Amino acid sequence: MKLAIFIRPEAEAEIEEAYRWYEKQREGLGNDFLLCVEETLIKIQCTPEIHPIVYRKINRALIRRFPYGVFCLIKGEKIVVLAMFHGRRDPRKWKSRGKNDILRK
């Protein structure tokens, strides 16, 4: 059974920002990036337990071909995408996003 995915506005903005950046590098590369993000989200939906917990209860799934990770919480029958971060960004920024969700669990 696939779990429902909810993408936080901050994560949506990060996906959009990365899309625009890749599209500026080469036309069509942004679309390739979005396809890889979609593929990763489907994998998370279908097999959430295979993605490692990297901080408290936050899981990370790596995006194929691109140096990004999808950080999410599995909460019952849903998955909450907290962030979509480049591998070189400061992890303290995404770690703070899950605090309220973890406390409510």
PDB file of N, CA and C in Angstrom:
ATOM      1  N   MET A   1       0.841  -1.196   0.000  1.00  0.00           N
ATOM      2  CA  MET A   1       0.000   0.000   0.000  1.00  0.00           C
ATOM      3  C   MET A   1       0.880   1.252   0.000  1.00  0.00           C
ATOM      4  N   LYS A   2       0.573   2.159  -0.902  1.00  0.00           N
ATOM      5  CA  LYS A   2       1.315   3.417  -0.955  1.00  0.00           C
ATOM      6  C   LYS A   2       0.777   4.370   0.102  1.00  0.00           C
ATOM      7  N   LEU A   3       1.708   5.017   0.794  1.00  0.00           N
ATOM      8  CA  LEU A   3       1.331   6.027   1.778  1.00  0.00           C
ATOM      9  C   LEU A   3       1.130   7.365   1.071  1.00  0.00           C
ATOM     10  N   ALA A   4       0.297   8.224   1.647  1.00  0.00           N
ATOM     11  CA  ALA A   4       0.070   9.564   1.097  1.00  0.00           C
ATOM     12  C   ALA A   4       1.291  10.427   1.383  1.00  0.00           C
ATOM     13  N   ILE A   5       1.655  11.265   0.426  1.00  0.00           N
ATOM     14  CA  ILE A   5       2.794  12.165   0.600  1.00  0.00           C
ATOM     15  C   ILE A   5       2.294  13.600   0.684  1.00  0.00           C
ATOM     16  N   PHE A   6       2.791  14.301   1.702  1.00  0.00           N
ATOM     17  CA  PHE A   6       2.508  15.724   1.881  1.00  0.00           C
ATOM     18  C   PHE A   6       3.840  16.452   1.832  1.00  0.00           C
ATOM     19  N   ILE A   7       3.968  17.421   0.932  1.00  0.00           N
ATOM     20  CA  ILE A   7       5.219  18.166   0.787  1.00  0.00           C
ATOM     21  C   ILE A   7       5.044  19.533   1.416  1.00  0.00           C
ATOM     22  N   ARG A   8       5.879  19.806   2.411  1.00  0.00           N
ATOM     23  CA  ARG A   8       5.834  21.113   3.068  1.00  0.00           C
ATOM     24  C   ARG A   8       6.181  22.225   2.074  1.00  0.00           C
ATOM     25  N   PRO A   9       5.636  23.416   2.280  1.00  0.00           N
ATOM     26  CA  PRO A   9       5.932  24.541   1.367  1.00  0.00           C
ATOM     27  C   PRO A   9       7.429  24.826   1.238  1.00  0.00           C
ATOM     28  N   GLU A  10       8.175  24.670   2.330  1.00  0.00           N
ATOM     29  CA  GLU A  10       9.622  24.916   2.278  1.00  0.00           C
ATOM     30  C   GLU A  10      10.297  23.934   1.323  1.00  0.00           C
ATOM     31  N   ALA A  11       9.876  22.677   1.379  1.00  0.00           N
ATOM     32  CA  ALA A  11      10.449  21.664   0.493  1.00  0.00           C
ATOM     33  C   ALA A  11      10.046  21.929  -0.958  1.00  0.00           C
ATOM     34  N   GLU A  12       8.810  22.331  -1.179  1.00  0.00           N
ATOM     35  CA  GLU A  12       8.367  22.678  -2.536  1.00  0.00           C
ATOM     36  C   GLU A  12       9.213  23.813  -3.098  1.00  0.00           C
ATOM     37  N   ALA A  13       9.494  24.814  -2.262  1.00  0.00           N
ATOM     38  CA  ALA A  13      10.317  25.945  -2.700  1.00  0.00           C
ATOM     39  C   ALA A  13      11.738  25.492  -3.040  1.00  0.00           C
ATOM     40  N   GLU A  14      12.276  24.550  -2.282  1.00  0.00           N
ATOM     41  CA  GLU A  14      13.617  24.034  -2.563  1.00  0.00           C
ATOM     42  C   GLU A  14      13.657  23.248  -3.868  1.00  0.00           C
ATOM     43  N   ILE A  15      12.609  22.491  -4.128  1.00  0.00           N
ATOM     44  CA  ILE A  15      12.521  21.748  -5.390  1.00  0.00           C
ATOM     45  C   ILE A  15      12.456  22.729  -6.555  1.00  0.00           C
ATOM     46  N   GLU A  16      11.630  23.753  -6.423  1.00  0.00           N
ATOM     47  CA  GLU A  16      11.490  24.764  -7.475  1.00  0.00           C
ATOM     48  C   GLU A  16      12.804  25.507  -7.704  1.00  0.00           C
ATOM     49  N   GLU A  17      13.492  25.859  -6.640  1.00  0.00           N
ATOM     50  CA  GLU A  17      14.772  26.561  -6.745  1.00  0.00           C
ATOM     51  C   GLU A  17      15.804  25.699  -7.484  1.00  0.00           C
ATOM     52  N   ALA A  18      15.887  24.430  -7.126  1.00  0.00           N
ATOM     53  CA  ALA A  18      16.836  23.532  -7.781  1.00  0.00           C
ATOM     54  C   ALA A  18      16.459  23.338  -9.253  1.00  0.00           C
ATOM     55  N   TYR A  19      15.164  23.198  -9.521  1.00  0.00           N
ATOM     56  CA  TYR A  19      14.697  23.065 -10.910  1.00  0.00           C
ATOM     57  C   TYR A  19      15.171  24.254 -11.748  1.00  0.00           C
ATOM     58  N   ARG A  20      14.938  25.458 -11.233  1.00  0.00           N
ATOM     59  CA  ARG A  20      15.330  26.668 -11.972  1.00  0.00           C
ATOM     60  C   ARG A  20      16.839  26.704 -12.203  1.00  0.00           C
ATOM     61  N   TRP A  21      17.618  26.348 -11.184  1.00  0.00           N
ATOM     62  CA  TRP A  21      19.071  26.364 -11.301  1.00  0.00           C
ATOM     63  C   TRP A  21      19.534  25.385 -12.383  1.00  0.00           C
ATOM     64  N   TYR A  22      19.026  24.154 -12.346  1.00  0.00           N
ATOM     65  CA  TYR A  22      19.416  23.160 -13.345  1.00  0.00           C
ATOM     66  C   TYR A  22      18.953  23.557 -14.742  1.00  0.00           C
ATOM     67  N   GLU A  23      17.806  24.160 -14.864  1.00  0.00           N
ATOM     68  CA  GLU A  23      17.287  24.580 -16.164  1.00  0.00           C
ATOM     69  C   GLU A  23      18.175  25.685 -16.743  1.00  0.00           C
ATOM     70  N   LYS A  24      18.721  26.550 -15.880  1.00  0.00           N
ATOM     71  CA  LYS A  24      19.649  27.591 -16.361  1.00  0.00           C
ATOM     72  C   LYS A  24      20.951  26.980 -16.852  1.00  0.00           C
ATOM     73  N   GLN A  25      21.361  25.867 -16.240  1.00  0.00           N
ATOM     74  CA  GLN A  25      22.609  25.225 -16.642  1.00  0.00           C
ATOM     75  C   GLN A  25      22.488  24.613 -18.040  1.00  0.00           C
ATOM     76  N   ARG A  26      21.346  23.958 -18.272  1.00  0.00           N
ATOM     77  CA  ARG A  26      21.092  23.348 -19.582  1.00  0.00           C
ATOM     78  C   ARG A  26      19.591  23.123 -19.728  1.00  0.00           C
ATOM     79  N   GLU A  27      19.039  23.583 -20.813  1.00  0.00           N
ATOM     80  CA  GLU A  27      17.608  23.414 -21.049  1.00  0.00           C
ATOM     81  C   GLU A  27      17.252  21.924 -21.012  1.00  0.00           C
ATOM     82  N   GLY A  28      16.237  21.600 -20.234  1.00  0.00           N
ATOM     83  CA  GLY A  28      15.797  20.211 -20.093  1.00  0.00           C
ATOM     84  C   GLY A  28      16.373  19.520 -18.870  1.00  0.00           C
ATOM     85  N   LEU A  29      17.487  20.032 -18.338  1.00  0.00           N
ATOM     86  CA  LEU A  29      18.085  19.405 -17.158  1.00  0.00           C
ATOM     87  C   LEU A  29      17.190  19.576 -15.931  1.00  0.00           C
ATOM     88  N   GLY A  30      16.478  20.687 -15.860  1.00  0.00           N
ATOM     89  CA  GLY A  30      15.527  20.901 -14.769  1.00  0.00           C
ATOM     90  C   GLY A  30      14.421  19.853 -14.797  1.00  0.00           C
ATOM     91  N   ASN A  31      13.949  19.534 -15.985  1.00  0.00           N
ATOM     92  CA  ASN A  31      12.923  18.496 -16.106  1.00  0.00           C
ATOM     93  C   ASN A  31      13.459  17.129 -15.716  1.00  0.00           C
ATOM     94  N   ASP A  32      14.718  16.848 -16.088  1.00  0.00           N
ATOM     95  CA  ASP A  32      15.351  15.597 -15.662  1.00  0.00           C
ATOM     96  C   ASP A  32      15.408  15.523 -14.136  1.00  0.00           C
ATOM     97  N   PHE A  33      15.742  16.656 -13.530  1.00  0.00           N
ATOM     98  CA  PHE A  33      15.796  16.726 -12.071  1.00  0.00           C
ATOM     99  C   PHE A  33      14.417  16.412 -11.467  1.00  0.00           C
ATOM    100  N   LEU A  34      13.367  17.033 -12.007  1.00  0.00           N
ATOM    101  CA  LEU A  34      12.018  16.793 -11.483  1.00  0.00           C
ATOM    102  C   LEU A  34      11.595  15.337 -11.632  1.00  0.00           C
ATOM    103  N   LEU A  35      11.968  14.706 -12.732  1.00  0.00           N
ATOM    104  CA  LEU A  35      11.654  13.286 -12.922  1.00  0.00           C
ATOM    105  C   LEU A  35      12.361  12.423 -11.871  1.00  0.00           C
ATOM    106  N   CYS A  36      13.600  12.774 -11.552  1.00  0.00           N
ATOM    107  CA  CYS A  36      14.329  12.026 -10.525  1.00  0.00           C
ATOM    108  C   CYS A  36      13.734  12.263  -9.137  1.00  0.00           C
ATOM    109  N   VAL A  37      13.268  13.478  -8.868  1.00  0.00           N
ATOM    110  CA  VAL A  37      12.592  13.762  -7.598  1.00  0.00           C
ATOM    111  C   VAL A  37      11.315  12.926  -7.508  1.00  0.00           C
ATOM    112  N   GLU A  38      10.539  12.906  -8.588  1.00  0.00           N
ATOM    113  CA  GLU A  38       9.296  12.127  -8.610  1.00  0.00           C
ATOM    114  C   GLU A  38       9.590  10.639  -8.382  1.00  0.00           C
ATOM    115  N   GLU A  39      10.618  10.127  -9.023  1.00  0.00           N
ATOM    116  CA  GLU A  39      11.010   8.730  -8.851  1.00  0.00           C
ATOM    117  C   GLU A  39      11.358   8.440  -7.388  1.00  0.00           C
ATOM    118  N   THR A  40      12.070   9.358  -6.758  1.00  0.00           N
ATOM    119  CA  THR A  40      12.445   9.190  -5.354  1.00  0.00           C
ATOM    120  C   THR A  40      11.225   9.211  -4.450  1.00  0.00           C
ATOM    121  N   LEU A  41      10.283  10.106  -4.720  1.00  0.00           N
ATOM    122  CA  LEU A  41       9.064  10.174  -3.910  1.00  0.00           C
ATOM    123  C   LEU A  41       8.244   8.889  -4.041  1.00  0.00           C
ATOM    124  N   ILE A  42       8.198   8.314  -5.222  1.00  0.00           N
ATOM    125  CA  ILE A  42       7.482   7.048  -5.420  1.00  0.00           C
ATOM    126  C   ILE A  42       8.158   5.932  -4.626  1.00  0.00           C
ATOM    127  N   LYS A  43       9.492   5.915  -4.642  1.00  0.00           N
ATOM    128  CA  LYS A  43      10.221   4.904  -3.869  1.00  0.00           C
ATOM    129  C   LYS A  43       9.934   5.058  -2.375  1.00  0.00           C
ATOM    130  N   ILE A  44       9.884   6.299  -1.904  1.00  0.00           N
ATOM    131  CA  ILE A  44       9.577   6.541  -0.490  1.00  0.00           C
ATOM    132  C   ILE A  44       8.173   6.043  -0.184  1.00  0.00           C
ATOM    133  N   GLN A  45       7.228   6.319  -1.060  1.00  0.00           N
ATOM    134  CA  GLN A  45       5.843   5.871  -0.870  1.00  0.00           C
ATOM    135  C   GLN A  45       5.745   4.363  -0.778  1.00  0.00           C
ATOM    136  N   CYS A  46       6.424   3.694  -1.677  1.00  0.00           N
ATOM    137  CA  CYS A  46       6.290   2.236  -1.770  1.00  0.00           C
ATOM    138  C   CYS A  46       7.088   1.484  -0.709  1.00  0.00           C
ATOM    139  N   THR A  47       8.245   2.004  -0.351  1.00  0.00           N
ATOM    140  CA  THR A  47       9.117   1.310   0.609  1.00  0.00           C
ATOM    141  C   THR A  47       9.769   2.311   1.567  1.00  0.00           C
ATOM    142  N   PRO A  48       8.972   2.950   2.403  1.00  0.00           N
ATOM    143  CA  PRO A  48       9.536   3.982   3.281  1.00  0.00           C
ATOM    144  C   PRO A  48      10.560   3.440   4.279  1.00  0.00           C
ATOM    145  N   GLU A  49      10.420   2.177   4.647  1.00  0.00           N
ATOM    146  CA  GLU A  49      11.289   1.621   5.686  1.00  0.00           C
ATOM    147  C   GLU A  49      12.724   1.377   5.217  1.00  0.00           C
ATOM    148  N   ILE A  50      12.991   1.416   3.908  1.00  0.00           N
ATOM    149  CA  ILE A  50      14.357   1.146   3.453  1.00  0.00           C
ATOM    150  C   ILE A  50      15.261   2.374   3.507  1.00  0.00           C
ATOM    151  N   HIS A  51      14.689   3.545   3.721  1.00  0.00           N
ATOM    152  CA  HIS A  51      15.479   4.777   3.756  1.00  0.00           C
ATOM    153  C   HIS A  51      15.951   5.032   5.187  1.00  0.00           C
ATOM    154  N   PRO A  52      17.247   5.289   5.357  1.00  0.00           N
ATOM    155  CA  PRO A  52      17.804   5.394   6.711  1.00  0.00           C
ATOM    156  C   PRO A  52      17.296   6.605   7.486  1.00  0.00           C
ATOM    157  N   ILE A  53      17.215   6.418   8.784  1.00  0.00           N
ATOM    158  CA  ILE A  53      16.927   7.531   9.686  1.00  0.00           C
ATOM    159  C   ILE A  53      18.257   8.245   9.899  1.00  0.00           C
ATOM    160  N   VAL A  54      18.269   9.537   9.617  1.00  0.00           N
ATOM    161  CA  VAL A  54      19.511  10.294   9.715  1.00  0.00           C
ATOM    162  C   VAL A  54      19.521  11.268  10.896  1.00  0.00           C
ATOM    163  N   TYR A  55      18.350  11.524  11.455  1.00  0.00           N
ATOM    164  CA  TYR A  55      18.259  12.449  12.587  1.00  0.00           C
ATOM    165  C   TYR A  55      16.914  12.232  13.259  1.00  0.00           C
ATOM    166  N   ARG A  56      16.984  11.896  14.538  1.00  0.00           N
ATOM    167  CA  ARG A  56      15.769  11.560  15.283  1.00  0.00           C
ATOM    168  C   ARG A  56      14.911  10.601  14.479  1.00  0.00           C
ATOM    169  N   LYS A  57      13.723  10.990  14.052  1.00  0.00           N
ATOM    170  CA  LYS A  57      12.850  10.100  13.275  1.00  0.00           C
ATOM    171  C   LYS A  57      12.763  10.515  11.808  1.00  0.00           C
ATOM    172  N   ILE A  58      13.713  11.324  11.373  1.00  0.00           N
ATOM    173  CA  ILE A  58      13.694  11.846  10.017  1.00  0.00           C
ATOM    174  C   ILE A  58      14.501  10.922   9.099  1.00  0.00           C
ATOM    175  N   ASN A  59      13.842  10.477   8.023  1.00  0.00           N
ATOM    176  CA  ASN A  59      14.480   9.609   7.041  1.00  0.00           C
ATOM    177  C   ASN A  59      15.041  10.450   5.896  1.00  0.00           C
ATOM    178  N   ARG A  60      16.041   9.860   5.212  1.00  0.00           N
ATOM    179  CA  ARG A  60      16.600  10.528   4.034  1.00  0.00           C
ATOM    180  C   ARG A  60      16.632   9.546   2.872  1.00  0.00           C
ATOM    181  N   ALA A  61      16.150  10.002   1.728  1.00  0.00           N
ATOM    182  CA  ALA A  61      16.254   9.236   0.486  1.00  0.00           C
ATOM    183  C   ALA A  61      17.075  10.070  -0.482  1.00  0.00           C
ATOM    184  N   LEU A  62      18.084   9.467  -1.078  1.00  0.00           N
ATOM    185  CA  LEU A  62      18.934  10.195  -2.015  1.00  0.00           C
ATOM    186  C   LEU A  62      18.297  10.193  -3.402  1.00  0.00           C
ATOM    187  N   ILE A  63      18.493  11.288  -4.114  1.00  0.00           N
ATOM    188  CA  ILE A  63      17.943  11.441  -5.452  1.00  0.00           C
ATOM    189  C   ILE A  63      18.991  10.976  -6.460  1.00  0.00           C
ATOM    190  N   ARG A  64      18.595  10.064  -7.316  1.00  0.00           N
ATOM    191  CA  ARG A  64      19.495   9.521  -8.344  1.00  0.00           C
ATOM    192  C   ARG A  64      19.946  10.637  -9.290  1.00  0.00           C
ATOM    193  N   ARG A  65      21.237  10.628  -9.647  1.00  0.00           N
ATOM    194  CA  ARG A  65      21.860  11.553 -10.602  1.00  0.00           C
ATOM    195  C   ARG A  65      22.112  12.949 -10.072  1.00  0.00           C
ATOM    196  N   PHE A  66      21.502  13.329  -8.974  1.00  0.00           N
ATOM    197  CA  PHE A  66      21.646  14.687  -8.473  1.00  0.00           C
ATOM    198  C   PHE A  66      22.053  14.640  -6.998  1.00  0.00           C
ATOM    199  N   PRO A  67      22.869  15.603  -6.547  1.00  0.00           N
ATOM    200  CA  PRO A  67      23.376  15.560  -5.165  1.00  0.00           C
ATOM    201  C   PRO A  67      22.397  16.111  -4.126  1.00  0.00           C
ATOM    202  N   TYR A  68      21.191  15.577  -4.126  1.00  0.00           N
ATOM    203  CA  TYR A  68      20.147  16.037  -3.211  1.00  0.00           C
ATOM    204  C   TYR A  68      19.591  14.871  -2.418  1.00  0.00           C
ATOM    205  N   GLY A  69      19.048  15.207  -1.258  1.00  0.00           N
ATOM    206  CA  GLY A  69      18.350  14.223  -0.452  1.00  0.00           C
ATOM    207  C   GLY A  69      16.967  14.741  -0.104  1.00  0.00           C
ATOM    208  N   VAL A  70      16.028  13.809   0.012  1.00  0.00           N
ATOM    209  CA  VAL A  70      14.667  14.129   0.445  1.00  0.00           C
ATOM    210  C   VAL A  70      14.583  13.712   1.906  1.00  0.00           C
ATOM    211  N   PHE A  71      14.261  14.653   2.773  1.00  0.00           N
ATOM    212  CA  PHE A  71      14.167  14.401   4.202  1.00  0.00           C
ATOM    213  C   PHE A  71      12.694  14.386   4.592  1.00  0.00           C
ATOM    214  N   CYS A  72      12.271  13.289   5.231  1.00  0.00           N
ATOM    215  CA  CYS A  72      10.847  13.142   5.515  1.00  0.00           C
ATOM    216  C   CYS A  72      10.597  12.391   6.817  1.00  0.00           C
ATOM    217  N   LEU A  73       9.382  12.560   7.306  1.00  0.00           N
ATOM    218  CA  LEU A  73       8.886  11.856   8.490  1.00  0.00           C
ATOM    219  C   LEU A  73       7.784  10.914   8.043  1.00  0.00           C
ATOM    220  N   ILE A  74       7.810   9.718   8.570  1.00  0.00           N
ATOM    221  CA  ILE A  74       6.725   8.775   8.317  1.00  0.00           C
ATOM    222  C   ILE A  74       5.811   8.839   9.532  1.00  0.00           C
ATOM    223  N   LYS A  75       4.588   9.273   9.306  1.00  0.00           N
ATOM    224  CA  LYS A  75       3.632   9.472  10.395  1.00  0.00           C
ATOM    225  C   LYS A  75       2.364   8.681  10.107  1.00  0.00           C
ATOM    226  N   GLY A  76       2.302   7.474  10.637  1.00  0.00           N
ATOM    227  CA  GLY A  76       1.126   6.643  10.421  1.00  0.00           C
ATOM    228  C   GLY A  76       0.978   6.292   8.959  1.00  0.00           C
ATOM    229  N   GLU A  77      -0.110   6.740   8.346  1.00  0.00           N
ATOM    230  CA  GLU A  77      -0.407   6.433   6.949  1.00  0.00           C
ATOM    231  C   GLU A  77       0.052   7.529   5.989  1.00  0.00           C
ATOM    232  N   LYS A  78       0.893   8.455   6.469  1.00  0.00           N
ATOM    233  CA  LYS A  78       1.343   9.517   5.573  1.00  0.00           C
ATOM    234  C   LYS A  78       2.842   9.770   5.738  1.00  0.00           C
ATOM    235  N   ILE A  79       3.379  10.391   4.724  1.00  0.00           N
ATOM    236  CA  ILE A  79       4.780  10.788   4.704  1.00  0.00           C
ATOM    237  C   ILE A  79       4.802  12.301   4.551  1.00  0.00           C
ATOM    238  N   VAL A  80       5.530  12.973   5.433  1.00  0.00           N
ATOM    239  CA  VAL A  80       5.648  14.425   5.375  1.00  0.00           C
ATOM    240  C   VAL A  80       7.060  14.759   4.905  1.00  0.00           C
ATOM    241  N   VAL A  81       7.158  15.375   3.726  1.00  0.00           N
ATOM    242  CA  VAL A  81       8.452  15.793   3.195  1.00  0.00           C
ATOM    243  C   VAL A  81       8.786  17.142   3.816  1.00  0.00           C
ATOM    244  N   LEU A  82       9.858  17.151   4.608  1.00  0.00           N
ATOM    245  CA  LEU A  82      10.259  18.355   5.323  1.00  0.00           C
ATOM    246  C   LEU A  82      11.206  19.233   4.513  1.00  0.00           C
ATOM    247  N   ALA A  83      12.097  18.579   3.758  1.00  0.00           N
ATOM    248  CA  ALA A  83      13.120  19.330   3.040  1.00  0.00           C
ATOM    249  C   ALA A  83      13.629  18.525   1.858  1.00  0.00           C
ATOM    250  N   MET A  84      14.191  19.252   0.911  1.00  0.00           N
ATOM    251  CA  MET A  84      14.879  18.657  -0.217  1.00  0.00           C
ATOM    252  C   MET A  84      16.174  19.445  -0.328  1.00  0.00           C
ATOM    253  N   PHE A  85      17.239  18.872   0.233  1.00  0.00           N
ATOM    254  CA  PHE A  85      18.476  19.626   0.413  1.00  0.00           C
ATOM    255  C   PHE A  85      19.621  19.096  -0.428  1.00  0.00           C
ATOM    256  N   HIS A  86      20.438  20.030  -0.911  1.00  0.00           N
ATOM    257  CA  HIS A  86      21.693  19.685  -1.566  1.00  0.00           C
ATOM    258  C   HIS A  86      22.627  19.100  -0.510  1.00  0.00           C
ATOM    259  N   GLY A  87      23.424  18.134  -0.906  1.00  0.00           N
ATOM    260  CA  GLY A  87      24.309  17.443   0.013  1.00  0.00           C
ATOM    261  C   GLY A  87      25.330  18.313   0.717  1.00  0.00           C
ATOM    262  N   ARG A  88      25.617  19.487   0.192  1.00  0.00           N
ATOM    263  CA  ARG A  88      26.616  20.374   0.802  1.00  0.00           C
ATOM    264  C   ARG A  88      26.024  21.480   1.672  1.00  0.00           C
ATOM    265  N   ARG A  89      24.721  21.524   1.797  1.00  0.00           N
ATOM    266  CA  ARG A  89      24.104  22.563   2.633  1.00  0.00           C
ATOM    267  C   ARG A  89      24.197  22.203   4.100  1.00  0.00           C
ATOM    268  N   ASP A  90      24.063  23.180   4.936  1.00  0.00           N
ATOM    269  CA  ASP A  90      24.146  23.011   6.384  1.00  0.00           C
ATOM    270  C   ASP A  90      22.945  22.209   6.883  1.00  0.00           C
ATOM    271  N   PRO A  91      23.167  21.013   7.455  1.00  0.00           N
ATOM    272  CA  PRO A  91      22.044  20.169   7.893  1.00  0.00           C
ATOM    273  C   PRO A  91      21.233  20.768   9.043  1.00  0.00           C
ATOM    274  N   ARG A  92      21.771  21.732   9.746  1.00  0.00           N
ATOM    275  CA  ARG A  92      21.007  22.341  10.849  1.00  0.00           C
ATOM    276  C   ARG A  92      19.728  22.995  10.338  1.00  0.00           C
ATOM    277  N   LYS A  93      19.724  23.432   9.090  1.00  0.00           N
ATOM    278  CA  LYS A  93      18.539  24.102   8.544  1.00  0.00           C
ATOM    279  C   LYS A  93      17.362  23.141   8.409  1.00  0.00           C
ATOM    280  N   TRP A  94      17.586  21.916   7.928  1.00  0.00           N
ATOM    281  CA  TRP A  94      16.460  20.990   7.787  1.00  0.00           C
ATOM    282  C   TRP A  94      16.133  20.290   9.089  1.00  0.00           C
ATOM    283  N   LYS A  95      17.099  20.143   9.985  1.00  0.00           N
ATOM    284  CA  LYS A  95      16.848  19.440  11.247  1.00  0.00           C
ATOM    285  C   LYS A  95      15.790  20.149  12.081  1.00  0.00           C
ATOM    286  N   SER A  96      15.777  21.457  12.052  1.00  0.00           N
ATOM    287  CA  SER A  96      14.819  22.212  12.872  1.00  0.00           C
ATOM    288  C   SER A  96      13.390  22.076  12.352  1.00  0.00           C
ATOM    289  N   ARG A  97      13.211  21.721  11.109  1.00  0.00           N
ATOM    290  CA  ARG A  97      11.868  21.638  10.532  1.00  0.00           C
ATOM    291  C   ARG A  97      11.030  20.511  11.101  1.00  0.00           C
ATOM    292  N   GLY A  98      11.641  19.440  11.527  1.00  0.00           N
ATOM    293  CA  GLY A  98      10.888  18.292  11.999  1.00  0.00           C
ATOM    294  C   GLY A  98      10.556  18.303  13.469  1.00  0.00           C
ATOM    295  N   LYS A  99      11.077  19.269  14.222  1.00  0.00           N
ATOM    296  CA  LYS A  99      10.892  19.261  15.679  1.00  0.00           C
ATOM    297  C   LYS A  99       9.430  19.222  16.090  1.00  0.00           C
ATOM    298  N   ASN A 100       8.605  20.068  15.538  1.00  0.00           N
ATOM    299  CA  ASN A 100       7.190  20.096  15.929  1.00  0.00           C
ATOM    300  C   ASN A 100       6.478  18.804  15.538  1.00  0.00           C
ATOM    301  N   ASP A 101       6.798  18.271  14.346  1.00  0.00           N
ATOM    302  CA  ASP A 101       6.176  17.026  13.904  1.00  0.00           C
ATOM    303  C   ASP A 101       6.567  15.866  14.799  1.00  0.00           C
ATOM    304  N   ILE A 102       7.821  15.820  15.202  1.00  0.00           N
ATOM    305  CA  ILE A 102       8.291  14.724  16.068  1.00  0.00           C
ATOM    306  C   ILE A 102       7.609  14.809  17.421  1.00  0.00           C
ATOM    307  N   LEU A 103       7.473  16.002  17.936  1.00  0.00           N
ATOM    308  CA  LEU A 103       6.828  16.170  19.255  1.00  0.00           C
ATOM    309  C   LEU A 103       5.361  15.801  19.224  1.00  0.00           C
ATOM    310  N   ARG A 104       4.671  16.014  18.082  1.00  0.00           N
ATOM    311  CA  ARG A 104       3.251  15.705  17.966  1.00  0.00           C
ATOM    312  C   ARG A 104       2.978  14.230  17.755  1.00  0.00           C
ATOM    313  N   LYS A 105       3.975  13.475  17.423  1.00  0.00           N
ATOM    314  CA  LYS A 105       3.780  12.065  17.092  1.00  0.00           C
ATOM    315  C   LYS A 105       3.334  11.249  18.285  1.00  0.00           C
TER     316      LYS A 105
END
